[in-house]
PDB file of all heavy atoms in Angstrom:
ATOM      1  N   ASP A   1      29.847 197.838  59.300  1.00  0.00           N
ATOM      2  CA  ASP A   1      28.784 197.155  59.569  1.00  0.00           C
ATOM      3  C   ASP A   1      28.646 195.801  58.980  1.00  0.00           C
ATOM      4  O   ASP A   1      29.020 195.587  57.822  1.00  0.00           O
ATOM      5  CB  ASP A   1      27.475 197.910  58.890  1.00  0.00           C
ATOM      6  CG  ASP A   1      26.135 197.233  59.044  1.00  0.00           C
ATOM      7  OD1 ASP A   1      25.800 196.833  60.074  1.00  0.00           O
ATOM      8  OD2 ASP A   1      25.610 196.921  57.951  1.00  0.00           O
ATOM      9  N   ALA A   2      28.313 194.736  59.840  1.00  0.00           N
ATOM     10  CA  ALA A   2      28.361 193.411  59.417  1.00  0.00           C
ATOM     11  C   ALA A   2      27.412 192.960  58.258  1.00  0.00           C
ATOM     12  O   ALA A   2      27.709 192.044  57.513  1.00  0.00           O
ATOM     13  CB  ALA A   2      28.151 192.372  60.593  1.00  0.00           C
ATOM     14  N   HIS A   3      26.307 193.630  58.158  1.00  0.00           N
ATOM     15  CA  HIS A   3      25.280 193.414  57.180  1.00  0.00           C
ATOM     16  C   HIS A   3      25.849 193.839  55.799  1.00  0.00           C
ATOM     17  O   HIS A   3      25.649 193.144  54.733  1.00  0.00           O
ATOM     18  CB  HIS A   3      24.155 194.144  57.523  1.00  0.00           C
ATOM     19  CG  HIS A   3      22.895 193.846  56.530  1.00  0.00           C
ATOM     20  ND1 HIS A   3      22.236 192.780  56.458  1.00  0.00           N
ATOM     21  CD2 HIS A   3      22.431 194.750  55.569  1.00  0.00           C
ATOM     22  CE1 HIS A   3      21.357 192.775  55.508  1.00  0.00           C
ATOM     23  NE2 HIS A   3      21.506 194.088  55.055  1.00  0.00           N
ATOM     24  N   THR A   4      26.474 195.014  55.635  1.00  0.00           N
ATOM     25  CA  THR A   4      26.806 195.619  54.326  1.00  0.00           C
ATOM     26  C   THR A   4      28.243 195.529  54.088  1.00  0.00           C
ATOM     27  O   THR A   4      28.788 195.809  52.969  1.00  0.00           O
ATOM     28  CB  THR A   4      26.416 197.066  54.334  1.00  0.00           C
ATOM     29  OG1 THR A   4      26.949 197.708  55.341  1.00  0.00           O
ATOM     30  CG2 THR A   4      24.763 197.120  54.401  1.00  0.00           C
ATOM     31  N   ASN A   5      29.084 195.260  55.200  1.00  0.00           N
ATOM     32  CA  ASN A   5      30.601 195.207  55.020  1.00  0.00           C
ATOM     33  C   ASN A   5      31.222 196.516  54.701  1.00  0.00           C
ATOM     34  O   ASN A   5      32.185 196.660  54.110  1.00  0.00           O
ATOM     35  CB  ASN A   5      31.117 194.176  54.126  1.00  0.00           C
ATOM     36  CG  ASN A   5      32.519 193.733  54.441  1.00  0.00           C
ATOM     37  OD1 ASN A   5      32.924 193.709  55.506  1.00  0.00           O
ATOM     38  ND2 ASN A   5      33.211 193.283  53.391  1.00  0.00           N
ATOM     39  N   VAL A   6      30.495 197.616  54.985  1.00  0.00           N
ATOM     40  CA  VAL A   6      31.051 199.003  54.772  1.00  0.00           C
ATOM     41  C   VAL A   6      30.689 199.769  56.068  1.00  0.00           C
ATOM     42  O   VAL A   6      30.086 199.276  57.009  1.00  0.00           O
ATOM     43  CB  VAL A   6      30.462 199.717  53.641  1.00  0.00           C
ATOM     44  CG1 VAL A   6      30.815 199.008  52.340  1.00  0.00           C
ATOM     45  CG2 VAL A   6      28.891 199.760  53.721  1.00  0.00           C
ATOM     46  N   ASN A   7      31.311 200.965  56.187  1.00  0.00           N
ATOM     47  CA  ASN A   7      31.112 201.831  57.307  1.00  0.00           C
ATOM     48  C   ASN A   7      29.731 202.522  57.315  1.00  0.00           C
ATOM     49  O   ASN A   7      29.638 203.739  56.997  1.00  0.00           O
ATOM     50  CB  ASN A   7      32.358 202.754  57.483  1.00  0.00           C
ATOM     51  CG  ASN A   7      33.460 202.092  57.800  1.00  0.00           C
ATOM     52  OD1 ASN A   7      34.128 201.399  56.967  1.00  0.00           O
ATOM     53  ND2 ASN A   7      33.958 202.178  59.122  1.00  0.00           N
ATOM     54  N   ASN A   8      28.746 201.860  57.584  1.00  0.00           N
ATOM     55  CA  ASN A   8      27.430 202.451  57.713  1.00  0.00           C
ATOM     56  C   ASN A   8      26.507 201.728  58.633  1.00  0.00           C
ATOM     57  O   ASN A   8      26.806 200.619  58.869  1.00  0.00           O
ATOM     58  CB  ASN A   8      26.752 202.834  56.275  1.00  0.00           C
ATOM     59  CG  ASN A   8      26.422 201.505  55.543  1.00  0.00           C
ATOM     60  OD1 ASN A   8      26.091 200.502  56.193  1.00  0.00           O
ATOM     61  ND2 ASN A   8      26.331 201.588  54.293  1.00  0.00           N
ATOM     62  N   LYS A   9      25.360 202.375  59.075  1.00  0.00           N
ATOM     63  CA  LYS A   9      24.440 201.644  59.788  1.00  0.00           C
ATOM     64  C   LYS A   9      23.100 201.971  59.290  1.00  0.00           C
ATOM     65  O   LYS A   9      22.901 203.156  58.850  1.00  0.00           O
ATOM     66  CB  LYS A   9      24.581 201.958  61.311  1.00  0.00           C
ATOM     67  CG  LYS A   9      25.841 201.468  62.084  1.00  0.00           C
ATOM     68  CD  LYS A   9      25.719 201.875  63.479  1.00  0.00           C
ATOM     69  CE  LYS A   9      26.995 201.333  64.198  1.00  0.00           C
ATOM     70  NZ  LYS A   9      27.115 199.807  64.271  1.00  0.00           N
ATOM     71  N   ARG A  10      22.119 201.077  59.423  1.00  0.00           N
ATOM     72  CA  ARG A  10      20.694 201.321  58.982  1.00  0.00           C
ATOM     73  C   ARG A  10      20.046 201.930  60.088  1.00  0.00           C
ATOM     74  O   ARG A  10      19.853 201.430  61.350  1.00  0.00           O
ATOM     75  CB  ARG A  10      20.097 199.943  58.642  1.00  0.00           C
ATOM     76  CG  ARG A  10      20.805 199.322  57.463  1.00  0.00           C
ATOM     77  CD  ARG A  10      20.385 197.761  57.306  1.00  0.00           C
ATOM     78  NE  ARG A  10      20.949 197.021  58.513  1.00  0.00           N
ATOM     79  CZ  ARG A  10      20.652 195.867  58.734  1.00  0.00           C
ATOM     80  NH1 ARG A  10      19.876 195.127  57.901  1.00  0.00           N
ATOM     81  NH2 ARG A  10      21.160 195.096  59.759  1.00  0.00           N
ATOM     82  N   ILE A  11      19.547 203.263  59.872  1.00  0.00           N
ATOM     83  CA  ILE A  11      18.822 203.956  60.876  1.00  0.00           C
ATOM     84  C   ILE A  11      17.627 203.194  61.392  1.00  0.00           C
ATOM     85  O   ILE A  11      17.282 203.216  62.654  1.00  0.00           O
ATOM     86  CB  ILE A  11      18.436 205.334  60.358  1.00  0.00           C
ATOM     87  CG1 ILE A  11      19.835 206.207  60.140  1.00  0.00           C
ATOM     88  CG2 ILE A  11      17.486 206.051  61.416  1.00  0.00           C
ATOM     89  CD1 ILE A  11      19.611 207.532  59.540  1.00  0.00           C
ATOM     90  N   CYS A  12      16.860 202.569  60.450  1.00  0.00           N
ATOM     91  CA  CYS A  12      15.631 201.828  60.853  1.00  0.00           C
ATOM     92  C   CYS A  12      16.021 200.695  61.657  1.00  0.00           C
ATOM     93  O   CYS A  12      15.028 200.149  62.409  1.00  0.00           O
ATOM     94  CB  CYS A  12      14.821 201.549  59.704  1.00  0.00           C
ATOM     95  SG  CYS A  12      15.425 200.194  58.676  1.00  0.00           S
ATOM     96  N   LYS A  13      17.096 200.028  61.447  1.00  0.00           N
ATOM     97  CA  LYS A  13      17.338 198.714  62.082  1.00  0.00           C
ATOM     98  C   LYS A  13      18.313 198.779  63.258  1.00  0.00           C
ATOM     99  O   LYS A  13      18.049 198.512  64.412  1.00  0.00           O
ATOM    100  CB  LYS A  13      18.026 197.710  61.050  1.00  0.00           C
ATOM    101  CG  LYS A  13      18.037 196.284  61.570  1.00  0.00           C
ATOM    102  CD  LYS A  13      16.682 195.632  61.555  1.00  0.00           C
ATOM    103  CE  LYS A  13      16.823 194.156  61.851  1.00  0.00           C
ATOM    104  NZ  LYS A  13      15.538 193.465  61.878  1.00  0.00           N
ATOM    105  N   GLU A  14      19.529 199.324  63.068  1.00  0.00           N
ATOM    106  CA  GLU A  14      20.513 199.598  64.131  1.00  0.00           C
ATOM    107  C   GLU A  14      20.124 200.757  65.131  1.00  0.00           C
ATOM    108  O   GLU A  14      20.404 200.798  66.256  1.00  0.00           O
ATOM    109  CB  GLU A  14      21.898 199.733  63.632  1.00  0.00           C
ATOM    110  CG  GLU A  14      22.651 198.384  63.256  1.00  0.00           C
ATOM    111  CD  GLU A  14      22.140 197.969  61.809  1.00  0.00           C
ATOM    112  OE1 GLU A  14      22.025 198.707  60.925  1.00  0.00           O
ATOM    113  OE2 GLU A  14      21.877 196.718  61.655  1.00  0.00           O
ATOM    114  N   GLY A  15      19.420 201.765  64.321  1.00  0.00           N
ATOM    115  CA  GLY A  15      18.797 202.925  65.131  1.00  0.00           C
ATOM    116  C   GLY A  15      17.417 202.758  65.403  1.00  0.00           C
ATOM    117  O   GLY A  15      16.992 201.564  65.575  1.00  0.00           O
ATOM    118  N   PRO A  16      16.601 203.876  65.542  1.00  0.00           N
ATOM    119  CA  PRO A  16      17.158 205.116  65.259  1.00  0.00           C
ATOM    120  C   PRO A  16      17.968 205.799  66.211  1.00  0.00           C
ATOM    121  O   PRO A  16      18.493 206.986  66.091  1.00  0.00           O
ATOM    122  CB  PRO A  16      15.768 205.910  65.066  1.00  0.00           C
ATOM    123  CG  PRO A  16      14.865 205.280  65.928  1.00  0.00           C
ATOM    124  CD  PRO A  16      15.204 203.851  65.831  1.00  0.00           C
ATOM    125  N   VAL A  17      18.151 205.152  67.322  1.00  0.00           N
ATOM    126  CA  VAL A  17      18.923 205.728  68.520  1.00  0.00           C
ATOM    127  C   VAL A  17      20.418 205.203  68.443  1.00  0.00           C
ATOM    128  O   VAL A  17      20.591 203.932  68.353  1.00  0.00           O
ATOM    129  CB  VAL A  17      18.432 205.388  69.904  1.00  0.00           C
ATOM    130  CG1 VAL A  17      19.260 205.997  70.952  1.00  0.00           C
ATOM    131  CG2 VAL A  17      16.935 205.978  69.994  1.00  0.00           C
ATOM    132  N   PHE A  18      21.372 206.123  68.380  1.00  0.00           N
ATOM    133  CA  PHE A  18      22.793 205.763  68.476  1.00  0.00           C
ATOM    134  C   PHE A  18      23.495 206.549  69.502  1.00  0.00           C
ATOM    135  O   PHE A  18      23.068 207.653  69.940  1.00  0.00           O
ATOM    136  CB  PHE A  18      23.422 205.992  67.134  1.00  0.00           C
ATOM    137  CG  PHE A  18      22.809 205.438  65.870  1.00  0.00           C
ATOM    138  CD1 PHE A  18      21.919 205.989  65.059  1.00  0.00           C
ATOM    139  CD2 PHE A  18      23.256 204.104  65.592  1.00  0.00           C
ATOM    140  CE1 PHE A  18      21.309 205.335  63.950  1.00  0.00           C
ATOM    141  CE2 PHE A  18      22.778 203.385  64.453  1.00  0.00           C
ATOM    142  CZ  PHE A  18      21.825 204.084  63.722  1.00  0.00           C
ATOM    143  N   ARG A  19      24.716 206.047  69.935  1.00  0.00           N
ATOM    144  CA  ARG A  19      25.472 206.905  70.647  1.00  0.00           C
ATOM    145  C   ARG A  19      26.067 207.947  69.628  1.00  0.00           C
ATOM    146  O   ARG A  19      26.495 207.570  68.534  1.00  0.00           O
ATOM    147  CB  ARG A  19      26.741 206.027  71.210  1.00  0.00           C
ATOM    148  CG  ARG A  19      26.467 205.516  72.482  1.00  0.00           C
ATOM    149  CD  ARG A  19      27.654 204.854  73.136  1.00  0.00           C
ATOM    150  NE  ARG A  19      28.813 206.019  73.405  1.00  0.00           N
ATOM    151  CZ  ARG A  19      29.190 206.261  74.530  1.00  0.00           C
ATOM    152  NH1 ARG A  19      28.713 205.774  75.724  1.00  0.00           N
ATOM    153  NH2 ARG A  19      30.093 207.197  74.679  1.00  0.00           N
ATOM    154  N   ALA A  20      26.078 209.102  70.018  1.00  0.00           N
ATOM    155  CA  ALA A  20      26.492 210.292  69.103  1.00  0.00           C
ATOM    156  C   ALA A  20      27.832 209.988  68.567  1.00  0.00           C
ATOM    157  O   ALA A  20      28.239 210.425  67.458  1.00  0.00           O
ATOM    158  CB  ALA A  20      26.359 211.604  69.734  1.00  0.00           C
ATOM    159  N   ASP A  21      28.739 209.487  69.262  1.00  0.00           N
ATOM    160  CA  ASP A  21      30.114 209.259  68.794  1.00  0.00           C
ATOM    161  C   ASP A  21      30.323 208.016  67.875  1.00  0.00           C
ATOM    162  O   ASP A  21      31.401 207.755  67.596  1.00  0.00           O
ATOM    163  CB  ASP A  21      31.182 209.244  69.944  1.00  0.00           C
ATOM    164  CG  ASP A  21      30.764 208.092  71.017  1.00  0.00           C
ATOM    165  OD1 ASP A  21      30.016 207.311  70.705  1.00  0.00           O
ATOM    166  OD2 ASP A  21      31.424 208.149  72.122  1.00  0.00           O
ATOM    167  N   GLU A  22      29.180 207.357  67.698  1.00  0.00           N
ATOM    168  CA  GLU A  22      29.333 206.059  66.778  1.00  0.00           C
ATOM    169  C   GLU A  22      28.992 206.359  65.415  1.00  0.00           C
ATOM    170  O   GLU A  22      29.343 205.604  64.468  1.00  0.00           O
ATOM    171  CB  GLU A  22      28.286 204.991  67.288  1.00  0.00           C
ATOM    172  CG  GLU A  22      28.680 204.380  68.716  1.00  0.00           C
ATOM    173  CD  GLU A  22      27.509 203.419  69.101  1.00  0.00           C
ATOM    174  OE1 GLU A  22      26.490 203.448  68.486  1.00  0.00           O
ATOM    175  OE2 GLU A  22      27.956 202.572  70.076  1.00  0.00           O
ATOM    176  N   VAL A  23      28.379 207.463  65.183  1.00  0.00           N
ATOM    177  CA  VAL A  23      27.899 207.760  63.780  1.00  0.00           C
ATOM    178  C   VAL A  23      28.275 209.141  63.343  1.00  0.00           C
ATOM    179  O   VAL A  23      28.590 210.069  64.167  1.00  0.00           O
ATOM    180  CB  VAL A  23      26.279 207.655  63.759  1.00  0.00           C
ATOM    181  CG1 VAL A  23      25.920 206.130  63.728  1.00  0.00           C
ATOM    182  CG2 VAL A  23      25.601 208.437  64.796  1.00  0.00           C
ATOM    183  N   GLU A  24      28.316 209.318  62.165  1.00  0.00           N
ATOM    184  CA  GLU A  24      28.627 210.660  61.493  1.00  0.00           C
ATOM    185  C   GLU A  24      27.427 211.148  60.783  1.00  0.00           C
ATOM    186  O   GLU A  24      26.676 210.457  60.031  1.00  0.00           O
ATOM    187  CB  GLU A  24      29.718 210.456  60.495  1.00  0.00           C
ATOM    188  CG  GLU A  24      30.960 210.016  60.985  1.00  0.00           C
ATOM    189  CD  GLU A  24      31.686 210.983  62.079  1.00  0.00           C
ATOM    190  OE1 GLU A  24      31.326 212.210  62.043  1.00  0.00           O
ATOM    191  OE2 GLU A  24      32.512 210.432  62.887  1.00  0.00           O
ATOM    192  N   PHE A  25      26.996 212.523  60.909  1.00  0.00           N
ATOM    193  CA  PHE A  25      25.840 212.911  60.392  1.00  0.00           C
ATOM    194  C   PHE A  25      26.004 214.528  60.310  1.00  0.00           C
ATOM    195  O   PHE A  25      26.823 215.020  60.853  1.00  0.00           O
ATOM    196  CB  PHE A  25      24.541 212.577  61.172  1.00  0.00           C
ATOM    197  CG  PHE A  25      24.590 212.871  62.632  1.00  0.00           C
ATOM    198  CD1 PHE A  25      24.363 214.204  63.093  1.00  0.00           C
ATOM    199  CD2 PHE A  25      25.025 211.927  63.506  1.00  0.00           C
ATOM    200  CE1 PHE A  25      24.374 214.452  64.512  1.00  0.00           C
ATOM    201  CE2 PHE A  25      25.008 212.210  64.905  1.00  0.00           C
ATOM    202  CZ  PHE A  25      24.774 213.388  65.372  1.00  0.00           C
TER     203      PHE A  25
END
């Protein structure tokens, strides 16, 4: 993630909808 420089995404901002293969849950 460009915002945090780690492998995560903010659900409220980049989500809440994601391609299923883009995220781990």
